[in-house]
Amino acid sequence: MDGNKATHLRYARRIEKNGTWTVFDIFTGHTADVGRRLTAGMEMRDAEEIMGVLNYIHPANDQGTIH
């Protein structure tokens, strides 16, 4: 396993002005979507969980995208 975890992150979360959280693609800046559901307007715990799953499924070195 690679010790430099940061190179494998493609998705991050940010807090919005209204206090909700958004998961976004670090490279494009676009809000990630899972299926047809945007990952915006979420509680922090939900955003962390979705961010973790997306980074596992689509690491930074993956050429695919889900949005």
PDB file of N, CA and C in Angstrom:
ATOM      1  N   MET A   1       0.845  -1.184   0.000  1.00  0.00           N
ATOM      2  CA  MET A   1       0.000   0.000   0.000  1.00  0.00           C
ATOM      3  C   MET A   1       0.886   1.242   0.000  1.00  0.00           C
ATOM      4  N   ASP A   2       0.504   2.218  -0.763  1.00  0.00           N
ATOM      5  CA  ASP A   2       1.250   3.471  -0.886  1.00  0.00           C
ATOM      6  C   ASP A   2       1.089   4.295   0.380  1.00  0.00           C
ATOM      7  N   GLY A   3       2.189   4.785   0.933  1.00  0.00           N
ATOM      8  CA  GLY A   3       2.141   5.580   2.146  1.00  0.00           C
ATOM      9  C   GLY A   3       1.678   7.004   1.927  1.00  0.00           C
ATOM     10  N   ASN A   4       1.609   7.461   0.669  1.00  0.00           N
ATOM     11  CA  ASN A   4       1.207   8.838   0.383  1.00  0.00           C
ATOM     12  C   ASN A   4      -0.264   8.864  -0.001  1.00  0.00           C
ATOM     13  N   LYS A   5      -1.122   8.831   1.008  1.00  0.00           N
ATOM     14  CA  LYS A   5      -2.569   8.751   0.804  1.00  0.00           C
ATOM     15  C   LYS A   5      -3.127   9.929   0.017  1.00  0.00           C
ATOM     16  N   ALA A   6      -2.580  11.105   0.170  1.00  0.00           N
ATOM     17  CA  ALA A   6      -3.118  12.303  -0.482  1.00  0.00           C
ATOM     18  C   ALA A   6      -3.136  12.175  -1.996  1.00  0.00           C
ATOM     19  N   THR A   7      -2.214  11.432  -2.580  1.00  0.00           N
ATOM     20  CA  THR A   7      -2.189  11.283  -4.029  1.00  0.00           C
ATOM     21  C   THR A   7      -3.361  10.442  -4.531  1.00  0.00           C
ATOM     22  N   HIS A   8      -4.046   9.748  -3.636  1.00  0.00           N
ATOM     23  CA  HIS A   8      -5.154   8.888  -4.038  1.00  0.00           C
ATOM     24  C   HIS A   8      -6.508   9.542  -3.834  1.00  0.00           C
ATOM     25  N   LEU A   9      -6.529  10.764  -3.335  1.00  0.00           N
ATOM     26  CA  LEU A   9      -7.799  11.430  -3.094  1.00  0.00           C
ATOM     27  C   LEU A   9      -8.257  12.193  -4.325  1.00  0.00           C
ATOM     28  N   ARG A  10      -9.450  11.915  -4.717  1.00  0.00           N
ATOM     29  CA  ARG A  10     -10.047  12.623  -5.846  1.00  0.00           C
ATOM     30  C   ARG A  10     -11.205  13.507  -5.395  1.00  0.00           C
ATOM     31  N   TYR A  11     -11.848  13.118  -4.320  1.00  0.00           N
ATOM     32  CA  TYR A  11     -13.016  13.832  -3.821  1.00  0.00           C
ATOM     33  C   TYR A  11     -12.730  14.418  -2.447  1.00  0.00           C
ATOM     34  N   ALA A  12     -13.289  15.578  -2.194  1.00  0.00           N
ATOM     35  CA  ALA A  12     -13.154  16.250  -0.908  1.00  0.00           C
ATOM     36  C   ALA A  12     -14.517  16.790  -0.512  1.00  0.00           C
ATOM     37  N   ARG A  13     -14.593  17.321   0.705  1.00  0.00           N
ATOM     38  CA  ARG A  13     -15.858  17.913   1.161  1.00  0.00           C
ATOM     39  C   ARG A  13     -15.585  19.347   1.579  1.00  0.00           C
ATOM     40  N   ARG A  14     -16.617  20.155   1.474  1.00  0.00           N
ATOM     41  CA  ARG A  14     -16.489  21.550   1.907  1.00  0.00           C
ATOM     42  C   ARG A  14     -17.790  21.962   2.579  1.00  0.00           C
ATOM     43  N   ILE A  15     -17.646  22.888   3.513  1.00  0.00           N
ATOM     44  CA  ILE A  15     -18.832  23.412   4.176  1.00  0.00           C
ATOM     45  C   ILE A  15     -19.313  24.629   3.388  1.00  0.00           C
ATOM     46  N   GLU A  16     -20.595  24.718   3.223  1.00  0.00           N
ATOM     47  CA  GLU A  16     -21.195  25.824   2.485  1.00  0.00           C
ATOM     48  C   GLU A  16     -21.623  26.919   3.457  1.00  0.00           C
ATOM     49  N   LYS A  17     -21.953  28.076   2.925  1.00  0.00           N
ATOM     50  CA  LYS A  17     -22.346  29.223   3.753  1.00  0.00           C
ATOM     51  C   LYS A  17     -23.570  28.935   4.615  1.00  0.00           C
ATOM     52  N   ASN A  18     -24.435  28.041   4.144  1.00  0.00           N
ATOM     53  CA  ASN A  18     -25.648  27.727   4.900  1.00  0.00           C
ATOM     54  C   ASN A  18     -25.430  26.638   5.949  1.00  0.00           C
ATOM     55  N   GLY A  19     -24.172  26.169   6.108  1.00  0.00           N
ATOM     56  CA  GLY A  19     -23.843  25.178   7.122  1.00  0.00           C
ATOM     57  C   GLY A  19     -23.960  23.733   6.670  1.00  0.00           C
ATOM     58  N   THR A  20     -24.363  23.500   5.418  1.00  0.00           N
ATOM     59  CA  THR A  20     -24.421  22.138   4.900  1.00  0.00           C
ATOM     60  C   THR A  20     -23.090  21.802   4.227  1.00  0.00           C
ATOM     61  N   TRP A  21     -22.941  20.540   3.875  1.00  0.00           N
ATOM     62  CA  TRP A  21     -21.690  20.061   3.281  1.00  0.00           C
ATOM     63  C   TRP A  21     -21.912  19.570   1.864  1.00  0.00           C
ATOM     64  N   THR A  22     -20.873  19.730   1.036  1.00  0.00           N
ATOM     65  CA  THR A  22     -20.878  19.297  -0.356  1.00  0.00           C
ATOM     66  C   THR A  22     -19.643  18.453  -0.613  1.00  0.00           C
ATOM     67  N   VAL A  23     -19.816  17.357  -1.345  1.00  0.00           N
ATOM     68  CA  VAL A  23     -18.684  16.548  -1.806  1.00  0.00           C
ATOM     69  C   VAL A  23     -18.429  16.952  -3.249  1.00  0.00           C
ATOM     70  N   PHE A  24     -17.160  17.205  -3.579  1.00  0.00           N
ATOM     71  CA  PHE A  24     -16.829  17.664  -4.925  1.00  0.00           C
ATOM     72  C   PHE A  24     -15.580  16.979  -5.445  1.00  0.00           C
ATOM     73  N   ASP A  25     -15.441  16.978  -6.764  1.00  0.00           N
ATOM     74  CA  ASP A  25     -14.269  16.439  -7.451  1.00  0.00           C
ATOM     75  C   ASP A  25     -13.156  17.473  -7.346  1.00  0.00           C
ATOM     76  N   ILE A  26     -12.039  17.102  -6.758  1.00  0.00           N
ATOM     77  CA  ILE A  26     -10.919  18.013  -6.541  1.00  0.00           C
ATOM     78  C   ILE A  26     -10.385  18.571  -7.856  1.00  0.00           C
ATOM     79  N   PHE A  27     -10.398  17.771  -8.900  1.00  0.00           N
ATOM     80  CA  PHE A  27      -9.804  18.176 -10.173  1.00  0.00           C
ATOM     81  C   PHE A  27     -10.691  19.091 -11.001  1.00  0.00           C
ATOM     82  N   THR A  28     -12.005  18.871 -10.937  1.00  0.00           N
ATOM     83  CA  THR A  28     -12.911  19.677 -11.758  1.00  0.00           C
ATOM     84  C   THR A  28     -13.611  20.770 -10.955  1.00  0.00           C
ATOM     85  N   GLY A  29     -13.723  20.575  -9.654  1.00  0.00           N
ATOM     86  CA  GLY A  29     -14.463  21.510  -8.816  1.00  0.00           C
ATOM     87  C   GLY A  29     -15.962  21.272  -8.832  1.00  0.00           C
ATOM     88  N   HIS A  30     -16.420  20.333  -9.671  1.00  0.00           N
ATOM     89  CA  HIS A  30     -17.852  20.042  -9.777  1.00  0.00           C
ATOM     90  C   HIS A  30     -18.335  19.240  -8.578  1.00  0.00           C
ATOM     91  N   THR A  31     -19.574  19.504  -8.190  1.00  0.00           N
ATOM     92  CA  THR A  31     -20.211  18.703  -7.159  1.00  0.00           C
ATOM     93  C   THR A  31     -20.348  17.281  -7.681  1.00  0.00           C
ATOM     94  N   ALA A  32     -19.959  16.326  -6.857  1.00  0.00           N
ATOM     95  CA  ALA A  32     -20.084  14.924  -7.255  1.00  0.00           C
ATOM     96  C   ALA A  32     -21.553  14.526  -7.213  1.00  0.00           C
ATOM     97  N   ASP A  33     -21.898  13.542  -8.014  1.00  0.00           N
ATOM     98  CA  ASP A  33     -23.236  12.998  -7.906  1.00  0.00           C
ATOM     99  C   ASP A  33     -23.145  11.492  -7.874  1.00  0.00           C
ATOM    100  N   VAL A  34     -24.053  10.904  -7.153  1.00  0.00           N
ATOM    101  CA  VAL A  34     -24.129   9.459  -7.021  1.00  0.00           C
ATOM    102  C   VAL A  34     -25.443   9.062  -7.660  1.00  0.00           C
ATOM    103  N   GLY A  35     -25.324   8.415  -8.810  1.00  0.00           N
ATOM    104  CA  GLY A  35     -26.529   8.170  -9.581  1.00  0.00           C
ATOM    105  C   GLY A  35     -27.039   9.495 -10.084  1.00  0.00           C
ATOM    106  N   ARG A  36     -28.231   9.851  -9.723  1.00  0.00           N
ATOM    107  CA  ARG A  36     -28.795  11.149 -10.112  1.00  0.00           C
ATOM    108  C   ARG A  36     -28.896  12.106  -8.935  1.00  0.00           C
ATOM    109  N   ARG A  37     -28.302  11.740  -7.817  1.00  0.00           N
ATOM    110  CA  ARG A  37     -28.381  12.575  -6.610  1.00  0.00           C
ATOM    111  C   ARG A  37     -27.088  13.353  -6.425  1.00  0.00           C
ATOM    112  N   LEU A  38     -27.192  14.663  -6.394  1.00  0.00           N
ATOM    113  CA  LEU A  38     -26.031  15.504  -6.108  1.00  0.00           C
ATOM    114  C   LEU A  38     -25.646  15.357  -4.652  1.00  0.00           C
ATOM    115  N   THR A  39     -24.375  15.476  -4.392  1.00  0.00           N
ATOM    116  CA  THR A  39     -23.881  15.337  -3.028  1.00  0.00           C
ATOM    117  C   THR A  39     -23.697  16.719  -2.411  1.00  0.00           C
ATOM    118  N   ALA A  40     -24.786  17.440  -2.290  1.00  0.00           N
ATOM    119  CA  ALA A  40     -24.793  18.777  -1.708  1.00  0.00           C
ATOM    120  C   ALA A  40     -25.931  18.857  -0.697  1.00  0.00           C
ATOM    121  N   GLY A  41     -25.825  19.808   0.227  1.00  0.00           N
ATOM    122  CA  GLY A  41     -26.879  19.996   1.210  1.00  0.00           C
ATOM    123  C   GLY A  41     -26.922  18.904   2.256  1.00  0.00           C
ATOM    124  N   MET A  42     -25.773  18.326   2.568  1.00  0.00           N
ATOM    125  CA  MET A  42     -25.726  17.175   3.462  1.00  0.00           C
ATOM    126  C   MET A  42     -25.212  17.536   4.849  1.00  0.00           C
ATOM    127  N   GLU A  43     -25.476  16.642   5.787  1.00  0.00           N
ATOM    128  CA  GLU A  43     -24.858  16.693   7.109  1.00  0.00           C
ATOM    129  C   GLU A  43     -23.386  16.284   6.948  1.00  0.00           C
ATOM    130  N   MET A  44     -22.512  16.752   7.842  1.00  0.00           N
ATOM    131  CA  MET A  44     -21.089  16.460   7.751  1.00  0.00           C
ATOM    132  C   MET A  44     -20.820  14.959   7.740  1.00  0.00           C
ATOM    133  N   ARG A  45     -21.470  14.208   8.589  1.00  0.00           N
ATOM    134  CA  ARG A  45     -21.235  12.761   8.669  1.00  0.00           C
ATOM    135  C   ARG A  45     -21.554  12.071   7.341  1.00  0.00           C
ATOM    136  N   ASP A  46     -22.654  12.470   6.710  1.00  0.00           N
ATOM    137  CA  ASP A  46     -23.029  11.885   5.421  1.00  0.00           C
ATOM    138  C   ASP A  46     -22.007  12.245   4.347  1.00  0.00           C
ATOM    139  N   ALA A  47     -21.553  13.495   4.344  1.00  0.00           N
ATOM    140  CA  ALA A  47     -20.559  13.926   3.358  1.00  0.00           C
ATOM    141  C   ALA A  47     -19.256  13.156   3.531  1.00  0.00           C
ATOM    142  N   GLU A  48     -18.828  12.941   4.765  1.00  0.00           N
ATOM    143  CA  GLU A  48     -17.603  12.186   5.023  1.00  0.00           C
ATOM    144  C   GLU A  48     -17.732  10.753   4.525  1.00  0.00           C
ATOM    145  N   GLU A  49     -18.877  10.143   4.765  1.00  0.00           N
ATOM    146  CA  GLU A  49     -19.098   8.762   4.334  1.00  0.00           C
ATOM    147  C   GLU A  49     -19.084   8.656   2.813  1.00  0.00           C
ATOM    148  N   ILE A  50     -19.812   9.523   2.143  1.00  0.00           N
ATOM    149  CA  ILE A  50     -19.860   9.490   0.677  1.00  0.00           C
ATOM    150  C   ILE A  50     -18.497   9.802   0.088  1.00  0.00           C
ATOM    151  N   MET A  51     -17.783  10.769   0.659  1.00  0.00           N
ATOM    152  CA  MET A  51     -16.446  11.108   0.184  1.00  0.00           C
ATOM    153  C   MET A  51     -15.531   9.892   0.283  1.00  0.00           C
ATOM    154  N   GLY A  52     -15.594   9.175   1.380  1.00  0.00           N
ATOM    155  CA  GLY A  52     -14.771   7.981   1.554  1.00  0.00           C
ATOM    156  C   GLY A  52     -15.076   6.908   0.531  1.00  0.00           C
ATOM    157  N   VAL A  53     -16.346   6.670   0.293  1.00  0.00           N
ATOM    158  CA  VAL A  53     -16.755   5.659  -0.692  1.00  0.00           C
ATOM    159  C   VAL A  53     -16.294   6.069  -2.092  1.00  0.00           C
ATOM    160  N   LEU A  54     -16.522   7.326  -2.468  1.00  0.00           N
ATOM    161  CA  LEU A  54     -16.121   7.784  -3.796  1.00  0.00           C
ATOM    162  C   LEU A  54     -14.602   7.700  -3.986  1.00  0.00           C
ATOM    163  N   ASN A  55     -13.834   8.062  -2.967  1.00  0.00           N
ATOM    164  CA  ASN A  55     -12.377   7.980  -3.082  1.00  0.00           C
ATOM    165  C   ASN A  55     -11.903   6.539  -3.182  1.00  0.00           C
ATOM    166  N   TYR A  56     -12.637   5.611  -2.587  1.00  0.00           N
ATOM    167  CA  TYR A  56     -12.291   4.201  -2.694  1.00  0.00           C
ATOM    168  C   TYR A  56     -12.605   3.670  -4.095  1.00  0.00           C
ATOM    169  N   ILE A  57     -13.778   4.029  -4.603  1.00  0.00           N
ATOM    170  CA  ILE A  57     -14.223   3.541  -5.914  1.00  0.00           C
ATOM    171  C   ILE A  57     -13.477   4.225  -7.060  1.00  0.00           C
ATOM    172  N   HIS A  58     -13.260   5.526  -6.945  1.00  0.00           N
ATOM    173  CA  HIS A  58     -12.637   6.323  -8.006  1.00  0.00           C
ATOM    174  C   HIS A  58     -11.457   7.118  -7.445  1.00  0.00           C
ATOM    175  N   PRO A  59     -10.313   6.460  -7.222  1.00  0.00           N
ATOM    176  CA  PRO A  59      -9.157   7.200  -6.708  1.00  0.00           C
ATOM    177  C   PRO A  59      -8.645   8.205  -7.736  1.00  0.00           C
ATOM    178  N   ALA A  60      -7.758   9.088  -7.307  1.00  0.00           N
ATOM    179  CA  ALA A  60      -7.251  10.160  -8.167  1.00  0.00           C
ATOM    180  C   ALA A  60      -6.616   9.628  -9.442  1.00  0.00           C
ATOM    181  N   ASN A  61      -6.034   8.454  -9.403  1.00  0.00           N
ATOM    182  CA  ASN A  61      -5.380   7.913 -10.596  1.00  0.00           C
ATOM    183  C   ASN A  61      -6.349   7.170 -11.505  1.00  0.00           C
ATOM    184  N   ASP A  62      -7.629   7.175 -11.177  1.00  0.00           N
ATOM    185  CA  ASP A  62      -8.661   6.558 -12.001  1.00  0.00           C
ATOM    186  C   ASP A  62      -9.032   7.530 -13.111  1.00  0.00           C
ATOM    187  N   GLN A  63      -9.176   7.057 -14.322  1.00  0.00           N
ATOM    188  CA  GLN A  63      -9.503   7.918 -15.444  1.00  0.00           C
ATOM    189  C   GLN A  63     -10.998   8.151 -15.603  1.00  0.00           C
ATOM    190  N   GLY A  64     -11.813   7.381 -14.880  1.00  0.00           N
ATOM    191  CA  GLY A  64     -13.262   7.520 -14.997  1.00  0.00           C
ATOM    192  C   GLY A  64     -13.791   8.658 -14.153  1.00  0.00           C
ATOM    193  N   THR A  65     -15.036   8.999 -14.398  1.00  0.00           N
ATOM    194  CA  THR A  65     -15.707  10.025 -13.608  1.00  0.00           C
ATOM    195  C   THR A  65     -17.150   9.619 -13.427  1.00  0.00           C
ATOM    196  N   ILE A  66     -17.782  10.148 -12.393  1.00  0.00           N
ATOM    197  CA  ILE A  66     -19.180   9.796 -12.170  1.00  0.00           C
ATOM    198  C   ILE A  66     -20.093  10.989 -12.242  1.00  0.00           C
ATOM    199  N   HIS A  67     -19.620  12.087 -12.821  1.00  0.00           N
ATOM    200  CA  HIS A  67     -20.506  13.243 -13.005  1.00  0.00           C
ATOM    201  C   HIS A  67     -20.357  13.783 -14.377  1.00  0.00           C
TER     202      HIS A  67
END
